[in-house]
């Protein structure tokens, strides 16, 4: 099941699975477990409470559907997740429940979980990079003379060619990926080189120094 707690951001099944309800909840609880352990190690909370909190950070103990419904009322998923975790901890140790989410903010949980999910979603996307870039290149060729409206921060900007937008989109994909992740250092180098040449050509046409 995907898309109730966080809408799937990937088109492939493997990428979408990284944003499933279970994955979202699992990574949020990973954060809470690590937080409790780190806080205990630093002397911020009693050490005896950390194992209790960690054991309660099992995603199988929680119902994503009810958490999603509660999130509609709180405008953040963290609030119902932390409350459910605290309730689960209280079943084991009422005093330990007071140290759940100690010293953290809602955004700390959401941002960390999102980064962990992106780490899982990236490898299957990287495998499709050649096909994705080829699709953008095909669009650029097909719409070489098709006018379209440019945009900046979702606001209308100057008119440009559809092919330019497709070319820019494809040129931005691979260069920013670390070679260790992309597994294609040569392809990345070639793509970076093409992007530099493309920028240089644009500046030359505009009469600006390169």
C-alpha atoms as a PDB file:
ATOM      1  CA  UNK A   1       0.000   0.000   0.000  1.00  0.00           C
ATOM      2  CA  UNK A   2       1.416   3.363  -0.942  1.00  0.00           C
ATOM      3  CA  UNK A   3       0.381   6.948  -0.879  1.00  0.00           C
ATOM      4  CA  UNK A   4      -1.745   7.406   2.258  1.00  0.00           C
ATOM      5  CA  UNK A   5       0.820   8.798   4.688  1.00  0.00           C
ATOM      6  CA  UNK A   6       3.060  10.245   1.961  1.00  0.00           C
ATOM      7  CA  UNK A   7       2.145  10.353  -1.720  1.00  0.00           C
ATOM      8  CA  UNK A   8       4.451   8.157  -3.790  1.00  0.00           C
ATOM      9  CA  UNK A   9       7.048  10.294  -5.534  1.00  0.00           C
ATOM     10  CA  UNK A  10       8.314   7.668  -7.950  1.00  0.00           C
ATOM     11  CA  UNK A  11       6.781   6.191 -11.070  1.00  0.00           C
ATOM     12  CA  UNK A  12       8.417   2.773 -10.724  1.00  0.00           C
ATOM     13  CA  UNK A  13       7.122   0.197  -8.263  1.00  0.00           C
ATOM     14  CA  UNK A  14      10.454  -0.022  -6.459  1.00  0.00           C
ATOM     15  CA  UNK A  15      10.756   3.744  -6.052  1.00  0.00           C
ATOM     16  CA  UNK A  16       7.138   4.058  -4.957  1.00  0.00           C
ATOM     17  CA  UNK A  17       7.615   1.324  -2.361  1.00  0.00           C
ATOM     18  CA  UNK A  18      10.182   3.525  -0.608  1.00  0.00           C
ATOM     19  CA  UNK A  19       7.269   5.873   0.173  1.00  0.00           C
ATOM     20  CA  UNK A  20       4.746   3.235   1.217  1.00  0.00           C
ATOM     21  CA  UNK A  21       2.870   3.640   4.485  1.00  0.00           C
ATOM     22  CA  UNK A  22       5.009   0.994   6.138  1.00  0.00           C
ATOM     23  CA  UNK A  23       8.271   2.592   4.929  1.00  0.00           C
ATOM     24  CA  UNK A  24       7.183   6.046   6.119  1.00  0.00           C
ATOM     25  CA  UNK A  25       6.252   4.748   9.547  1.00  0.00           C
ATOM     26  CA  UNK A  26       9.347   2.552   9.782  1.00  0.00           C
ATOM     27  CA  UNK A  27      11.721   5.442   9.152  1.00  0.00           C
ATOM     28  CA  UNK A  28       9.907   7.801  11.525  1.00  0.00           C
ATOM     29  CA  UNK A  29      10.171   5.181  14.258  1.00  0.00           C
ATOM     30  CA  UNK A  30      13.821   4.564  13.365  1.00  0.00           C
ATOM     31  CA  UNK A  31      14.378   8.233  14.137  1.00  0.00           C
ATOM     32  CA  UNK A  32      12.559   7.996  17.473  1.00  0.00           C
ATOM     33  CA  UNK A  33      14.493   4.893  18.489  1.00  0.00           C
ATOM     34  CA  UNK A  34      17.842   6.464  17.570  1.00  0.00           C
ATOM     35  CA  UNK A  35      16.854   9.687  19.344  1.00  0.00           C
ATOM     36  CA  UNK A  36      16.015   7.858  22.576  1.00  0.00           C
ATOM     37  CA  UNK A  37      19.285   5.938  22.488  1.00  0.00           C
ATOM     38  CA  UNK A  38      21.366   9.036  21.724  1.00  0.00           C
ATOM     39  CA  UNK A  39      19.611  11.069  24.416  1.00  0.00           C
ATOM     40  CA  UNK A  40      20.259   8.312  26.950  1.00  0.00           C
ATOM     41  CA  UNK A  41      23.920   8.044  25.932  1.00  0.00           C
ATOM     42  CA  UNK A  42      24.289  11.809  26.343  1.00  0.00           C
ATOM     43  CA  UNK A  43      22.691  11.731  29.776  1.00  0.00           C
ATOM     44  CA  UNK A  44      19.652  13.734  28.707  1.00  0.00           C
ATOM     45  CA  UNK A  45      17.162  11.036  29.666  1.00  0.00           C
ATOM     46  CA  UNK A  46      17.478   8.113  32.126  1.00  0.00           C
ATOM     47  CA  UNK A  47      19.297   5.252  30.414  1.00  0.00           C
ATOM     48  CA  UNK A  48      16.821   2.668  31.671  1.00  0.00           C
ATOM     49  CA  UNK A  49      14.055   4.228  29.546  1.00  0.00           C
ATOM     50  CA  UNK A  50      15.854   4.020  26.197  1.00  0.00           C
ATOM     51  CA  UNK A  51      15.385   0.245  25.659  1.00  0.00           C
ATOM     52  CA  UNK A  52      11.699   0.577  26.515  1.00  0.00           C
ATOM     53  CA  UNK A  53      11.206   3.280  23.889  1.00  0.00           C
ATOM     54  CA  UNK A  54      13.293   1.389  21.312  1.00  0.00           C
ATOM     55  CA  UNK A  55      11.211  -1.785  21.722  1.00  0.00           C
ATOM     56  CA  UNK A  56       8.027   0.222  21.135  1.00  0.00           C
ATOM     57  CA  UNK A  57       9.405   1.533  17.817  1.00  0.00           C
ATOM     58  CA  UNK A  58       8.186  -1.500  15.903  1.00  0.00           C
ATOM     59  CA  UNK A  59       6.055  -0.349  12.936  1.00  0.00           C
ATOM     60  CA  UNK A  60       4.038  -3.567  13.095  1.00  0.00           C
ATOM     61  CA  UNK A  61       2.471  -2.275  16.325  1.00  0.00           C
ATOM     62  CA  UNK A  62       0.730   0.645  14.601  1.00  0.00           C
ATOM     63  CA  UNK A  63      -2.103   1.182  12.132  1.00  0.00           C
ATOM     64  CA  UNK A  64      -1.109   3.542   9.281  1.00  0.00           C
ATOM     65  CA  UNK A  65      -4.737   4.161   8.283  1.00  0.00           C
ATOM     66  CA  UNK A  66      -5.691   5.566  11.689  1.00  0.00           C
ATOM     67  CA  UNK A  67      -2.483   7.620  11.813  1.00  0.00           C
ATOM     68  CA  UNK A  68      -3.259   9.097   8.395  1.00  0.00           C
ATOM     69  CA  UNK A  69      -6.758  10.054   9.521  1.00  0.00           C
ATOM     70  CA  UNK A  70      -5.393  11.701  12.682  1.00  0.00           C
ATOM     71  CA  UNK A  71      -2.815  13.592  10.631  1.00  0.00           C
ATOM     72  CA  UNK A  72      -5.643  15.344   8.757  1.00  0.00           C
ATOM     73  CA  UNK A  73      -6.644  17.018  12.016  1.00  0.00           C
ATOM     74  CA  UNK A  74      -3.139  17.942  13.207  1.00  0.00           C
ATOM     75  CA  UNK A  75      -1.698  19.025   9.824  1.00  0.00           C
ATOM     76  CA  UNK A  76       1.447  17.007  10.528  1.00  0.00           C
ATOM     77  CA  UNK A  77       2.028  13.284  10.625  1.00  0.00           C
ATOM     78  CA  UNK A  78       4.486  13.577  13.516  1.00  0.00           C
ATOM     79  CA  UNK A  79       1.853  14.440  16.127  1.00  0.00           C
ATOM     80  CA  UNK A  80      -0.240  11.252  15.832  1.00  0.00           C
ATOM     81  CA  UNK A  81       2.844   9.066  15.379  1.00  0.00           C
ATOM     82  CA  UNK A  82       4.517  10.429  18.521  1.00  0.00           C
ATOM     83  CA  UNK A  83       1.255  10.171  20.489  1.00  0.00           C
ATOM     84  CA  UNK A  84       0.775   6.560  19.393  1.00  0.00           C
ATOM     85  CA  UNK A  85       4.381   5.796  20.296  1.00  0.00           C
ATOM     86  CA  UNK A  86       4.007   7.405  23.728  1.00  0.00           C
ATOM     87  CA  UNK A  87       0.820   5.396  24.349  1.00  0.00           C
ATOM     88  CA  UNK A  88       2.619   2.193  23.371  1.00  0.00           C
ATOM     89  CA  UNK A  89       5.567   3.015  25.630  1.00  0.00           C
ATOM     90  CA  UNK A  90       3.183   3.796  28.509  1.00  0.00           C
ATOM     91  CA  UNK A  91       1.875   0.220  28.325  1.00  0.00           C
ATOM     92  CA  UNK A  92       5.386  -0.903  29.226  1.00  0.00           C
ATOM     93  CA  UNK A  93       6.515   1.917  31.508  1.00  0.00           C
ATOM     94  CA  UNK A  94       4.441   5.030  32.268  1.00  0.00           C
ATOM     95  CA  UNK A  95       7.501   7.026  33.303  1.00  0.00           C
ATOM     96  CA  UNK A  96       9.373   6.189  30.089  1.00  0.00           C
ATOM     97  CA  UNK A  97       6.490   7.571  28.012  1.00  0.00           C
ATOM     98  CA  UNK A  98       7.344  11.075  29.236  1.00  0.00           C
ATOM     99  CA  UNK A  99      10.688  10.889  27.445  1.00  0.00           C
ATOM    100  CA  UNK A 100       9.380   9.919  23.996  1.00  0.00           C
ATOM    101  CA  UNK A 101      10.462  12.436  21.332  1.00  0.00           C
ATOM    102  CA  UNK A 102      12.603  14.201  23.948  1.00  0.00           C
ATOM    103  CA  UNK A 103      14.256  17.361  22.586  1.00  0.00           C
ATOM    104  CA  UNK A 104      13.107  16.918  18.973  1.00  0.00           C
ATOM    105  CA  UNK A 105      10.715  18.844  16.727  1.00  0.00           C
ATOM    106  CA  UNK A 106       8.091  17.572  14.331  1.00  0.00           C
ATOM    107  CA  UNK A 107      10.226  18.632  11.382  1.00  0.00           C
ATOM    108  CA  UNK A 108      13.210  16.702  12.720  1.00  0.00           C
ATOM    109  CA  UNK A 109      11.215  13.493  12.363  1.00  0.00           C
ATOM    110  CA  UNK A 110       9.667  14.279   8.987  1.00  0.00           C
ATOM    111  CA  UNK A 111      12.893  15.525   7.369  1.00  0.00           C
ATOM    112  CA  UNK A 112      15.011  12.627   8.630  1.00  0.00           C
ATOM    113  CA  UNK A 113      12.448  10.040   7.532  1.00  0.00           C
ATOM    114  CA  UNK A 114      12.195  11.690   4.111  1.00  0.00           C
ATOM    115  CA  UNK A 115      15.962  11.582   3.584  1.00  0.00           C
ATOM    116  CA  UNK A 116      16.053   7.916   4.586  1.00  0.00           C
ATOM    117  CA  UNK A 117      13.231   7.182   2.147  1.00  0.00           C
ATOM    118  CA  UNK A 118      14.969   9.061  -0.657  1.00  0.00           C
ATOM    119  CA  UNK A 119      18.044   6.938   0.013  1.00  0.00           C
ATOM    120  CA  UNK A 120      15.969   3.835  -0.690  1.00  0.00           C
ATOM    121  CA  UNK A 121      14.185   5.329  -3.699  1.00  0.00           C
ATOM    122  CA  UNK A 122      17.329   6.581  -5.449  1.00  0.00           C
ATOM    123  CA  UNK A 123      18.958   3.303  -6.592  1.00  0.00           C
ATOM    124  CA  UNK A 124      16.017   2.092  -8.731  1.00  0.00           C
ATOM    125  CA  UNK A 125      15.663   5.586 -10.210  1.00  0.00           C
ATOM    126  CA  UNK A 126      19.359   5.695 -11.063  1.00  0.00           C
ATOM    127  CA  UNK A 127      18.961   2.449 -13.001  1.00  0.00           C
ATOM    128  CA  UNK A 128      16.419   4.225 -15.202  1.00  0.00           C
ATOM    129  CA  UNK A 129      18.475   7.398 -15.770  1.00  0.00           C
ATOM    130  CA  UNK A 130      19.560   6.519 -19.296  1.00  0.00           C
ATOM    131  CA  UNK A 131      15.945   5.899 -20.311  1.00  0.00           C
ATOM    132  CA  UNK A 132      14.762   9.087 -18.582  1.00  0.00           C
ATOM    133  CA  UNK A 133      17.412  11.262 -20.248  1.00  0.00           C
ATOM    134  CA  UNK A 134      16.660   9.633 -23.613  1.00  0.00           C
ATOM    135  CA  UNK A 135      12.958  10.461 -23.172  1.00  0.00           C
ATOM    136  CA  UNK A 136      13.770  14.131 -22.474  1.00  0.00           C
ATOM    137  CA  UNK A 137      16.044  14.204 -25.534  1.00  0.00           C
ATOM    138  CA  UNK A 138      13.238  12.788 -27.690  1.00  0.00           C
ATOM    139  CA  UNK A 139      10.871  15.473 -26.404  1.00  0.00           C
ATOM    140  CA  UNK A 140      13.454  18.160 -27.186  1.00  0.00           C
ATOM    141  CA  UNK A 141      13.785  16.912 -30.764  1.00  0.00           C
ATOM    142  CA  UNK A 142      10.028  16.599 -31.249  1.00  0.00           C
ATOM    143  CA  UNK A 143       9.265  20.076 -29.891  1.00  0.00           C
ATOM    144  CA  UNK A 144      12.283  21.915 -31.261  1.00  0.00           C
ATOM    145  CA  UNK A 145      10.110  24.800 -32.471  1.00  0.00           C
ATOM    146  CA  UNK A 146       7.114  24.479 -30.144  1.00  0.00           C
ATOM    147  CA  UNK A 147       6.605  27.671 -28.089  1.00  0.00           C
ATOM    148  CA  UNK A 148       5.733  27.298 -24.426  1.00  0.00           C
ATOM    149  CA  UNK A 149       5.451  29.462 -21.350  1.00  0.00           C
ATOM    150  CA  UNK A 150       8.490  29.601 -19.096  1.00  0.00           C
ATOM    151  CA  UNK A 151       7.988  29.463 -15.343  1.00  0.00           C
ATOM    152  CA  UNK A 152       9.906  30.489 -12.246  1.00  0.00           C
ATOM    153  CA  UNK A 153       8.702  29.527  -8.754  1.00  0.00           C
ATOM    154  CA  UNK A 154       5.449  28.378 -10.409  1.00  0.00           C
ATOM    155  CA  UNK A 155       4.845  31.885 -11.790  1.00  0.00           C
ATOM    156  CA  UNK A 156       4.586  32.647 -15.538  1.00  0.00           C
ATOM    157  CA  UNK A 157       7.838  33.910 -17.077  1.00  0.00           C
ATOM    158  CA  UNK A 158       9.045  34.676 -20.606  1.00  0.00           C
ATOM    159  CA  UNK A 159       8.092  32.507 -23.538  1.00  0.00           C
ATOM    160  CA  UNK A 160      10.642  29.883 -24.540  1.00  0.00           C
ATOM    161  CA  UNK A 161      10.898  26.779 -26.697  1.00  0.00           C
ATOM    162  CA  UNK A 162       9.588  23.490 -25.333  1.00  0.00           C
ATOM    163  CA  UNK A 163      12.804  21.839 -26.491  1.00  0.00           C
ATOM    164  CA  UNK A 164      14.846  24.152 -24.235  1.00  0.00           C
ATOM    165  CA  UNK A 165      12.953  23.073 -21.145  1.00  0.00           C
ATOM    166  CA  UNK A 166      13.354  19.384 -22.018  1.00  0.00           C
ATOM    167  CA  UNK A 167      17.072  19.840 -22.662  1.00  0.00           C
ATOM    168  CA  UNK A 168      17.590  21.649 -19.352  1.00  0.00           C
ATOM    169  CA  UNK A 169      15.659  18.976 -17.482  1.00  0.00           C
ATOM    170  CA  UNK A 170      17.752  16.158 -18.927  1.00  0.00           C
ATOM    171  CA  UNK A 171      21.032  18.007 -18.347  1.00  0.00           C
ATOM    172  CA  UNK A 172      20.257  18.435 -14.647  1.00  0.00           C
ATOM    173  CA  UNK A 173      19.739  14.773 -13.826  1.00  0.00           C
ATOM    174  CA  UNK A 174      23.030  12.924 -13.731  1.00  0.00           C
ATOM    175  CA  UNK A 175      25.710  15.546 -12.942  1.00  0.00           C
ATOM    176  CA  UNK A 176      24.478  16.114  -9.397  1.00  0.00           C
ATOM    177  CA  UNK A 177      24.558  12.450  -8.411  1.00  0.00           C
ATOM    178  CA  UNK A 178      27.699  11.214  -6.642  1.00  0.00           C
ATOM    179  CA  UNK A 179      29.583   8.789  -8.868  1.00  0.00           C
ATOM    180  CA  UNK A 180      29.416   6.166  -6.113  1.00  0.00           C
ATOM    181  CA  UNK A 181      25.606   6.254  -6.322  1.00  0.00           C
ATOM    182  CA  UNK A 182      25.218   6.667 -10.053  1.00  0.00           C
ATOM    183  CA  UNK A 183      27.809   4.042 -10.820  1.00  0.00           C
ATOM    184  CA  UNK A 184      28.525   5.876 -14.062  1.00  0.00           C
ATOM    185  CA  UNK A 185      31.417   8.305 -13.489  1.00  0.00           C
ATOM    186  CA  UNK A 186      32.153   8.455 -17.219  1.00  0.00           C
ATOM    187  CA  UNK A 187      28.541   9.172 -18.139  1.00  0.00           C
ATOM    188  CA  UNK A 188      28.383  11.863 -15.457  1.00  0.00           C
ATOM    189  CA  UNK A 189      31.537  13.490 -16.800  1.00  0.00           C
ATOM    190  CA  UNK A 190      30.167  13.466 -20.344  1.00  0.00           C
ATOM    191  CA  UNK A 191      26.867  14.931 -19.180  1.00  0.00           C
ATOM    192  CA  UNK A 192      28.633  17.691 -17.235  1.00  0.00           C
ATOM    193  CA  UNK A 193      30.721  18.474 -20.287  1.00  0.00           C
ATOM    194  CA  UNK A 194      27.641  18.690 -22.501  1.00  0.00           C
ATOM    195  CA  UNK A 195      25.978  20.997 -19.978  1.00  0.00           C
ATOM    196  CA  UNK A 196      28.994  23.327 -19.927  1.00  0.00           C
ATOM    197  CA  UNK A 197      29.027  23.450 -23.738  1.00  0.00           C
ATOM    198  CA  UNK A 198      25.287  24.142 -23.803  1.00  0.00           C
ATOM    199  CA  UNK A 199      25.660  27.036 -21.328  1.00  0.00           C
ATOM    200  CA  UNK A 200      28.600  28.429 -23.261  1.00  0.00           C
ATOM    201  CA  UNK A 201      26.610  28.346 -26.501  1.00  0.00           C
ATOM    202  CA  UNK A 202      23.696  30.172 -24.871  1.00  0.00           C
ATOM    203  CA  UNK A 203      25.974  32.919 -23.565  1.00  0.00           C
ATOM    204  CA  UNK A 204      27.583  33.290 -26.972  1.00  0.00           C
ATOM    205  CA  UNK A 205      24.207  33.688 -28.679  1.00  0.00           C
ATOM    206  CA  UNK A 206      23.223  36.282 -26.079  1.00  0.00           C
ATOM    207  CA  UNK A 207      26.441  38.241 -26.593  1.00  0.00           C
ATOM    208  CA  UNK A 208      27.661  37.606 -23.041  1.00  0.00           C
ATOM    209  CA  UNK A 209      31.202  36.549 -22.150  1.00  0.00           C
ATOM    210  CA  UNK A 210      31.591  32.809 -21.532  1.00  0.00           C
END
